[in-house]
Amino acid sequence: MQLKPIYKKLAAKFVNSPSVSVAAMDATAHDVPDGYDVSGYPTIYFKKAGGKPEPYEGGRDLGSMADFIKTNAVSKITDEL
């Protein structure tokens, strides 16, 4: 499964939510920031505002990732997205 199209849809879903950023990084082309342990592709992390990065182990589909963000975000995110 290719995640790039799902990431794009996920980012579009939260485009009007200023408290959410969806980002991708090629760890083979960039230095990996402290707190992130990349051992394979894809490695997905969730980072709450002010918190530490946590590996995301949920489903790799749009619905699972969107629900995880809504449930775990520091700021309340409405279903109106």
PDB file of N, CA and C in Angstrom:
ATOM      1  N   MET A   1       0.844  -1.178   0.000  1.00  0.00           N
ATOM      2  CA  MET A   1       0.000   0.000   0.000  1.00  0.00           C
ATOM      3  C   MET A   1       0.887   1.238   0.000  1.00  0.00           C
ATOM      4  N   GLN A   2       0.566   2.157  -0.838  1.00  0.00           N
ATOM      5  CA  GLN A   2       1.288   3.421  -0.889  1.00  0.00           C
ATOM      6  C   GLN A   2       0.621   4.419   0.050  1.00  0.00           C
ATOM      7  N   LEU A   3       1.414   4.983   0.948  1.00  0.00           N
ATOM      8  CA  LEU A   3       0.854   5.906   1.928  1.00  0.00           C
ATOM      9  C   LEU A   3       0.842   7.357   1.467  1.00  0.00           C
ATOM     10  N   LYS A   4       1.611   7.693   0.455  1.00  0.00           N
ATOM     11  CA  LYS A   4       1.674   9.086   0.019  1.00  0.00           C
ATOM     12  C   LYS A   4       0.285   9.658  -0.315  1.00  0.00           C
ATOM     13  N   PRO A   5      -0.550   8.956  -1.080  1.00  0.00           N
ATOM     14  CA  PRO A   5      -1.884   9.493  -1.365  1.00  0.00           C
ATOM     15  C   PRO A   5      -2.747   9.626  -0.095  1.00  0.00           C
ATOM     16  N   ILE A   6      -2.556   8.704   0.847  1.00  0.00           N
ATOM     17  CA  ILE A   6      -3.320   8.773   2.095  1.00  0.00           C
ATOM     18  C   ILE A   6      -2.863   9.967   2.922  1.00  0.00           C
ATOM     19  N   TYR A   7      -1.539  10.212   2.978  1.00  0.00           N
ATOM     20  CA  TYR A   7      -1.024  11.392   3.690  1.00  0.00           C
ATOM     21  C   TYR A   7      -1.615  12.676   3.110  1.00  0.00           C
ATOM     22  N   LYS A   8      -1.682  12.738   1.783  1.00  0.00           N
ATOM     23  CA  LYS A   8      -2.227  13.939   1.137  1.00  0.00           C
ATOM     24  C   LYS A   8      -3.696  14.142   1.522  1.00  0.00           C
ATOM     25  N   LYS A   9      -4.464  13.063   1.527  1.00  0.00           N
ATOM     26  CA  LYS A   9      -5.875  13.157   1.917  1.00  0.00           C
ATOM     27  C   LYS A   9      -6.007  13.517   3.397  1.00  0.00           C
ATOM     28  N   LEU A  10      -5.129  12.959   4.220  1.00  0.00           N
ATOM     29  CA  LEU A  10      -5.150  13.261   5.653  1.00  0.00           C
ATOM     30  C   LEU A  10      -4.837  14.739   5.889  1.00  0.00           C
ATOM     31  N   ALA A  11      -3.837  15.248   5.206  1.00  0.00           N
ATOM     32  CA  ALA A  11      -3.493  16.669   5.321  1.00  0.00           C
ATOM     33  C   ALA A  11      -4.653  17.543   4.855  1.00  0.00           C
ATOM     34  N   ALA A  12      -5.304  17.160   3.762  1.00  0.00           N
ATOM     35  CA  ALA A  12      -6.440  17.925   3.250  1.00  0.00           C
ATOM     36  C   ALA A  12      -7.605  17.906   4.243  1.00  0.00           C
ATOM     37  N   LYS A  13      -7.802  16.790   4.911  1.00  0.00           N
ATOM     38  CA  LYS A  13      -8.891  16.661   5.880  1.00  0.00           C
ATOM     39  C   LYS A  13      -8.720  17.630   7.043  1.00  0.00           C
ATOM     40  N   PHE A  14      -7.466  17.898   7.431  1.00  0.00           N
ATOM     41  CA  PHE A  14      -7.192  18.761   8.581  1.00  0.00           C
ATOM     42  C   PHE A  14      -6.671  20.139   8.181  1.00  0.00           C
ATOM     43  N   VAL A  15      -6.804  20.502   6.932  1.00  0.00           N
ATOM     44  CA  VAL A  15      -6.271  21.779   6.450  1.00  0.00           C
ATOM     45  C   VAL A  15      -6.877  22.978   7.192  1.00  0.00           C
ATOM     46  N   ASN A  16      -8.110  22.878   7.644  1.00  0.00           N
ATOM     47  CA  ASN A  16      -8.761  23.979   8.352  1.00  0.00           C
ATOM     48  C   ASN A  16      -8.623  23.879   9.865  1.00  0.00           C
ATOM     49  N   SER A  17      -7.809  22.966  10.333  1.00  0.00           N
ATOM     50  CA  SER A  17      -7.570  22.806  11.761  1.00  0.00           C
ATOM     51  C   SER A  17      -6.148  23.302  12.065  1.00  0.00           C
ATOM     52  N   PRO A  18      -6.033  24.521  12.588  1.00  0.00           N
ATOM     53  CA  PRO A  18      -4.702  25.097  12.805  1.00  0.00           C
ATOM     54  C   PRO A  18      -3.848  24.353  13.823  1.00  0.00           C
ATOM     55  N   SER A  19      -4.442  23.488  14.617  1.00  0.00           N
ATOM     56  CA  SER A  19      -3.672  22.769  15.630  1.00  0.00           C
ATOM     57  C   SER A  19      -3.097  21.448  15.125  1.00  0.00           C
ATOM     58  N   VAL A  20      -3.355  21.113  13.848  1.00  0.00           N
ATOM     59  CA  VAL A  20      -2.883  19.840  13.298  1.00  0.00           C
ATOM     60  C   VAL A  20      -1.969  20.095  12.104  1.00  0.00           C
ATOM     61  N   SER A  21      -0.821  19.428  12.111  1.00  0.00           N
ATOM     62  CA  SER A  21       0.088  19.442  10.967  1.00  0.00           C
ATOM     63  C   SER A  21       0.347  17.999  10.561  1.00  0.00           C
ATOM     64  N   VAL A  22       0.243  17.732   9.288  1.00  0.00           N
ATOM     65  CA  VAL A  22       0.572  16.421   8.749  1.00  0.00           C
ATOM     66  C   VAL A  22       1.807  16.630   7.885  1.00  0.00           C
ATOM     67  N   ALA A  23       2.876  15.919   8.204  1.00  0.00           N
ATOM     68  CA  ALA A  23       4.132  16.118   7.483  1.00  0.00           C
ATOM     69  C   ALA A  23       4.777  14.784   7.152  1.00  0.00           C
ATOM     70  N   ALA A  24       5.555  14.782   6.100  1.00  0.00           N
ATOM     71  CA  ALA A  24       6.321  13.598   5.714  1.00  0.00           C
ATOM     72  C   ALA A  24       7.776  14.014   5.550  1.00  0.00           C
ATOM     73  N   MET A  25       8.671  13.078   5.872  1.00  0.00           N
ATOM     74  CA  MET A  25      10.090  13.355   5.735  1.00  0.00           C
ATOM     75  C   MET A  25      10.797  12.109   5.231  1.00  0.00           C
ATOM     76  N   ASP A  26      11.705  12.287   4.307  1.00  0.00           N
ATOM     77  CA  ASP A  26      12.519  11.191   3.803  1.00  0.00           C
ATOM     78  C   ASP A  26      13.752  11.087   4.703  1.00  0.00           C
ATOM     79  N   ALA A  27      13.771  10.080   5.558  1.00  0.00           N
ATOM     80  CA  ALA A  27      14.862   9.916   6.524  1.00  0.00           C
ATOM     81  C   ALA A  27      16.172   9.522   5.856  1.00  0.00           C
ATOM     82  N   THR A  28      16.126   9.102   4.597  1.00  0.00           N
ATOM     83  CA  THR A  28      17.364   8.786   3.897  1.00  0.00           C
ATOM     84  C   THR A  28      18.015  10.038   3.323  1.00  0.00           C
ATOM     85  N   ALA A  29      17.260  11.125   3.232  1.00  0.00           N
ATOM     86  CA  ALA A  29      17.777  12.359   2.646  1.00  0.00           C
ATOM     87  C   ALA A  29      17.989  13.467   3.676  1.00  0.00           C
ATOM     88  N   HIS A  30      17.539  13.257   4.902  1.00  0.00           N
ATOM     89  CA  HIS A  30      17.615  14.294   5.935  1.00  0.00           C
ATOM     90  C   HIS A  30      18.071  13.677   7.254  1.00  0.00           C
ATOM     91  N   ASP A  31      18.591  14.521   8.130  1.00  0.00           N
ATOM     92  CA  ASP A  31      18.918  14.074   9.478  1.00  0.00           C
ATOM     93  C   ASP A  31      17.621  13.890  10.253  1.00  0.00           C
ATOM     94  N   VAL A  32      17.518  12.788  10.963  1.00  0.00           N
ATOM     95  CA  VAL A  32      16.324  12.497  11.754  1.00  0.00           C
ATOM     96  C   VAL A  32      16.414  13.277  13.072  1.00  0.00           C
ATOM     97  N   PRO A  33      15.385  14.057  13.409  1.00  0.00           N
ATOM     98  CA  PRO A  33      15.412  14.834  14.661  1.00  0.00           C
ATOM     99  C   PRO A  33      15.484  13.936  15.894  1.00  0.00           C
ATOM    100  N   ASP A  34      16.019  14.484  16.979  1.00  0.00           N
ATOM    101  CA  ASP A  34      16.051  13.767  18.251  1.00  0.00           C
ATOM    102  C   ASP A  34      14.640  13.345  18.649  1.00  0.00           C
ATOM    103  N   GLY A  35      14.530  12.178  19.223  1.00  0.00           N
ATOM    104  CA  GLY A  35      13.235  11.683  19.689  1.00  0.00           C
ATOM    105  C   GLY A  35      12.532  10.781  18.695  1.00  0.00           C
ATOM    106  N   TYR A  36      13.054  10.721  17.477  1.00  0.00           N
ATOM    107  CA  TYR A  36      12.460   9.882  16.442  1.00  0.00           C
ATOM    108  C   TYR A  36      13.435   8.755  16.119  1.00  0.00           C
ATOM    109  N   ASP A  37      12.954   7.520  16.121  1.00  0.00           N
ATOM    110  CA  ASP A  37      13.782   6.367  15.804  1.00  0.00           C
ATOM    111  C   ASP A  37      13.225   5.735  14.536  1.00  0.00           C
ATOM    112  N   VAL A  38      13.886   5.962  13.438  1.00  0.00           N
ATOM    113  CA  VAL A  38      13.426   5.447  12.152  1.00  0.00           C
ATOM    114  C   VAL A  38      14.216   4.198  11.821  1.00  0.00           C
ATOM    115  N   SER A  39      13.501   3.078  11.725  1.00  0.00           N
ATOM    116  CA  SER A  39      14.172   1.817  11.434  1.00  0.00           C
ATOM    117  C   SER A  39      13.662   1.158  10.162  1.00  0.00           C
ATOM    118  N   GLY A  40      12.675   1.727   9.553  1.00  0.00           N
ATOM    119  CA  GLY A  40      12.123   1.160   8.327  1.00  0.00           C
ATOM    120  C   GLY A  40      11.151   2.124   7.699  1.00  0.00           C
ATOM    121  N   TYR A  41      10.634   1.742   6.547  1.00  0.00           N
ATOM    122  CA  TYR A  41       9.671   2.590   5.862  1.00  0.00           C
ATOM    123  C   TYR A  41       8.356   1.844   5.769  1.00  0.00           C
ATOM    124  N   PRO A  42       7.263   2.457   6.041  1.00  0.00           N
ATOM    125  CA  PRO A  42       7.145   3.787   6.628  1.00  0.00           C
ATOM    126  C   PRO A  42       7.175   3.709   8.152  1.00  0.00           C
ATOM    127  N   THR A  43       7.768   4.687   8.745  1.00  0.00           N
ATOM    128  CA  THR A  43       7.729   4.857  10.196  1.00  0.00           C
ATOM    129  C   THR A  43       6.861   6.080  10.453  1.00  0.00           C
ATOM    130  N   ILE A  44       5.803   5.902  11.208  1.00  0.00           N
ATOM    131  CA  ILE A  44       4.853   6.997  11.443  1.00  0.00           C
ATOM    132  C   ILE A  44       4.872   7.360  12.920  1.00  0.00           C
ATOM    133  N   TYR A  45       4.948   8.660  13.179  1.00  0.00           N
ATOM    134  CA  TYR A  45       4.922   9.173  14.545  1.00  0.00           C
ATOM    135  C   TYR A  45       3.764  10.132  14.726  1.00  0.00           C
ATOM    136  N   PHE A  46       3.283  10.220  15.954  1.00  0.00           N
ATOM    137  CA  PHE A  46       2.289  11.208  16.361  1.00  0.00           C
ATOM    138  C   PHE A  46       2.929  12.012  17.484  1.00  0.00           C
ATOM    139  N   LYS A  47       2.836  13.319  17.385  1.00  0.00           N
ATOM    140  CA  LYS A  47       3.401  14.171  18.423  1.00  0.00           C
ATOM    141  C   LYS A  47       2.343  15.169  18.863  1.00  0.00           C
ATOM    142  N   LYS A  48       1.939  15.053  20.118  1.00  0.00           N
ATOM    143  CA  LYS A  48       0.999  16.020  20.680  1.00  0.00           C
ATOM    144  C   LYS A  48       1.717  17.340  20.898  1.00  0.00           C
ATOM    145  N   ALA A  49       0.974  18.420  20.874  1.00  0.00           N
ATOM    146  CA  ALA A  49       1.555  19.729  21.153  1.00  0.00           C
ATOM    147  C   ALA A  49       2.227  19.693  22.511  1.00  0.00           C
ATOM    148  N   GLY A  50       3.504  20.042  22.547  1.00  0.00           N
ATOM    149  CA  GLY A  50       4.252  20.056  23.798  1.00  0.00           C
ATOM    150  C   GLY A  50       4.689  18.702  24.297  1.00  0.00           C
ATOM    151  N   GLY A  51       4.367  17.649  23.563  1.00  0.00           N
ATOM    152  CA  GLY A  51       4.709  16.302  24.005  1.00  0.00           C
ATOM    153  C   GLY A  51       5.871  15.707  23.234  1.00  0.00           C
ATOM    154  N   LYS A  52       6.153  14.463  23.543  1.00  0.00           N
ATOM    155  CA  LYS A  52       7.221  13.726  22.868  1.00  0.00           C
ATOM    156  C   LYS A  52       6.630  12.930  21.709  1.00  0.00           C
ATOM    157  N   PRO A  53       7.412  12.683  20.676  1.00  0.00           N
ATOM    158  CA  PRO A  53       6.927  11.854  19.569  1.00  0.00           C
ATOM    159  C   PRO A  53       6.658  10.425  20.035  1.00  0.00           C
ATOM    160  N   GLU A  54       5.538   9.876  19.569  1.00  0.00           N
ATOM    161  CA  GLU A  54       5.168   8.508  19.904  1.00  0.00           C
ATOM    162  C   GLU A  54       4.938   7.735  18.604  1.00  0.00           C
ATOM    163  N   PRO A  55       5.478   6.538  18.493  1.00  0.00           N
ATOM    164  CA  PRO A  55       5.228   5.752  17.280  1.00  0.00           C
ATOM    165  C   PRO A  55       3.727   5.505  17.106  1.00  0.00           C
ATOM    166  N   TYR A  56       3.250   5.628  15.882  1.00  0.00           N
ATOM    167  CA  TYR A  56       1.854   5.335  15.560  1.00  0.00           C
ATOM    168  C   TYR A  56       1.791   3.894  15.070  1.00  0.00           C
ATOM    169  N   GLU A  57       0.986   3.087  15.732  1.00  0.00           N
ATOM    170  CA  GLU A  57       0.883   1.670  15.399  1.00  0.00           C
ATOM    171  C   GLU A  57      -0.493   1.287  14.874  1.00  0.00           C
ATOM    172  N   GLY A  58      -1.335   2.278  14.601  1.00  0.00           N
ATOM    173  CA  GLY A  58      -2.695   2.003  14.160  1.00  0.00           C
ATOM    174  C   GLY A  58      -2.791   1.656  12.682  1.00  0.00           C
ATOM    175  N   GLY A  59      -4.024   1.616  12.204  1.00  0.00           N
ATOM    176  CA  GLY A  59      -4.291   1.300  10.807  1.00  0.00           C
ATOM    177  C   GLY A  59      -3.661   2.309   9.866  1.00  0.00           C
ATOM    178  N   ARG A  60      -3.324   1.874   8.686  1.00  0.00           N
ATOM    179  CA  ARG A  60      -2.651   2.733   7.703  1.00  0.00           C
ATOM    180  C   ARG A  60      -3.634   3.258   6.661  1.00  0.00           C
ATOM    181  N   ASP A  61      -4.880   3.428   7.068  1.00  0.00           N
ATOM    182  CA  ASP A  61      -5.893   3.966   6.164  1.00  0.00           C
ATOM    183  C   ASP A  61      -6.332   5.344   6.673  1.00  0.00           C
ATOM    184  N   LEU A  62      -6.972   6.101   5.808  1.00  0.00           N
ATOM    185  CA  LEU A  62      -7.372   7.473   6.127  1.00  0.00           C
ATOM    186  C   LEU A  62      -8.249   7.543   7.368  1.00  0.00           C
ATOM    187  N   GLY A  63      -9.242   6.702   7.456  1.00  0.00           N
ATOM    188  CA  GLY A  63     -10.164   6.745   8.589  1.00  0.00           C
ATOM    189  C   GLY A  63      -9.484   6.471   9.918  1.00  0.00           C
ATOM    190  N   SER A  64      -8.633   5.467   9.954  1.00  0.00           N
ATOM    191  CA  SER A  64      -7.934   5.121  11.201  1.00  0.00           C
ATOM    192  C   SER A  64      -7.028   6.248  11.655  1.00  0.00           C
ATOM    193  N   MET A  65      -6.269   6.818  10.728  1.00  0.00           N
ATOM    194  CA  MET A  65      -5.343   7.883  11.099  1.00  0.00           C
ATOM    195  C   MET A  65      -6.095   9.148  11.518  1.00  0.00           C
ATOM    196  N   ALA A  66      -7.158   9.494  10.799  1.00  0.00           N
ATOM    197  CA  ALA A  66      -7.950  10.679  11.144  1.00  0.00           C
ATOM    198  C   ALA A  66      -8.601  10.507  12.518  1.00  0.00           C
ATOM    199  N   ASP A  67      -9.161   9.341  12.784  1.00  0.00           N
ATOM    200  CA  ASP A  67      -9.781   9.089  14.092  1.00  0.00           C
ATOM    201  C   ASP A  67      -8.749   9.169  15.210  1.00  0.00           C
ATOM    202  N   PHE A  68      -7.556   8.634  14.974  1.00  0.00           N
ATOM    203  CA  PHE A  68      -6.490   8.681  15.974  1.00  0.00           C
ATOM    204  C   PHE A  68      -6.117  10.132  16.290  1.00  0.00           C
ATOM    205  N   ILE A  69      -5.980  10.944  15.265  1.00  0.00           N
ATOM    206  CA  ILE A  69      -5.639  12.359  15.474  1.00  0.00           C
ATOM    207  C   ILE A  69      -6.734  13.053  16.267  1.00  0.00           C
ATOM    208  N   LYS A  70      -7.976  12.851  15.885  1.00  0.00           N
ATOM    209  CA  LYS A  70      -9.095  13.503  16.597  1.00  0.00           C
ATOM    210  C   LYS A  70      -9.150  13.070  18.056  1.00  0.00           C
ATOM    211  N   THR A  71      -8.903  11.798  18.322  1.00  0.00           N
ATOM    212  CA  THR A  71      -8.982  11.264  19.676  1.00  0.00           C
ATOM    213  C   THR A  71      -7.811  11.716  20.547  1.00  0.00           C
ATOM    214  N   ASN A  72      -6.638  11.858  19.965  1.00  0.00           N
ATOM    215  CA  ASN A  72      -5.426  12.104  20.744  1.00  0.00           C
ATOM    216  C   ASN A  72      -4.908  13.536  20.704  1.00  0.00           C
ATOM    217  N   ALA A  73      -5.487  14.385  19.923  1.00  0.00           N
ATOM    218  CA  ALA A  73      -5.023  15.777  19.828  1.00  0.00           C
ATOM    219  C   ALA A  73      -5.277  16.511  21.143  1.00  0.00           C
ATOM    220  N   VAL A  74      -4.408  17.451  21.461  1.00  0.00           N
ATOM    221  CA  VAL A  74      -4.554  18.246  22.666  1.00  0.00           C
ATOM    222  C   VAL A  74      -5.775  19.159  22.551  1.00  0.00           C
ATOM    223  N   SER A  75      -5.937  19.799  21.388  1.00  0.00           N
ATOM    224  CA  SER A  75      -7.084  20.670  21.138  1.00  0.00           C
ATOM    225  C   SER A  75      -8.219  19.853  20.544  1.00  0.00           C
ATOM    226  N   LYS A  76      -9.447  20.128  20.959  1.00  0.00           N
ATOM    227  CA  LYS A  76     -10.601  19.406  20.430  1.00  0.00           C
ATOM    228  C   LYS A  76     -10.748  19.683  18.940  1.00  0.00           C
ATOM    229  N   ILE A  77     -10.971  18.627  18.198  1.00  0.00           N
ATOM    230  CA  ILE A  77     -11.183  18.735  16.753  1.00  0.00           C
ATOM    231  C   ILE A  77     -12.592  18.243  16.464  1.00  0.00           C
ATOM    232  N   THR A  78     -13.365  19.061  15.800  1.00  0.00           N
ATOM    233  CA  THR A  78     -14.762  18.691  15.533  1.00  0.00           C
ATOM    234  C   THR A  78     -14.855  17.777  14.331  1.00  0.00           C
ATOM    235  N   ASP A  79     -15.997  17.137  14.185  1.00  0.00           N
ATOM    236  CA  ASP A  79     -16.251  16.264  13.045  1.00  0.00           C
ATOM    237  C   ASP A  79     -16.601  17.042  11.791  1.00  0.00           C
ATOM    238  N   GLU A  80     -16.580  18.369  11.869  1.00  0.00           N
ATOM    239  CA  GLU A  80     -16.952  19.190  10.732  1.00  0.00           C
ATOM    240  C   GLU A  80     -15.841  19.308   9.703  1.00  0.00           C
ATOM    241  N   LEU A  81     -14.755  18.592   9.887  1.00  0.00           N
ATOM    242  CA  LEU A  81     -13.623  18.679   8.970  1.00  0.00           C
ATOM    243  C   LEU A  81     -13.967  18.051   7.652  1.00  0.00           C
TER     244      LEU A  81
END
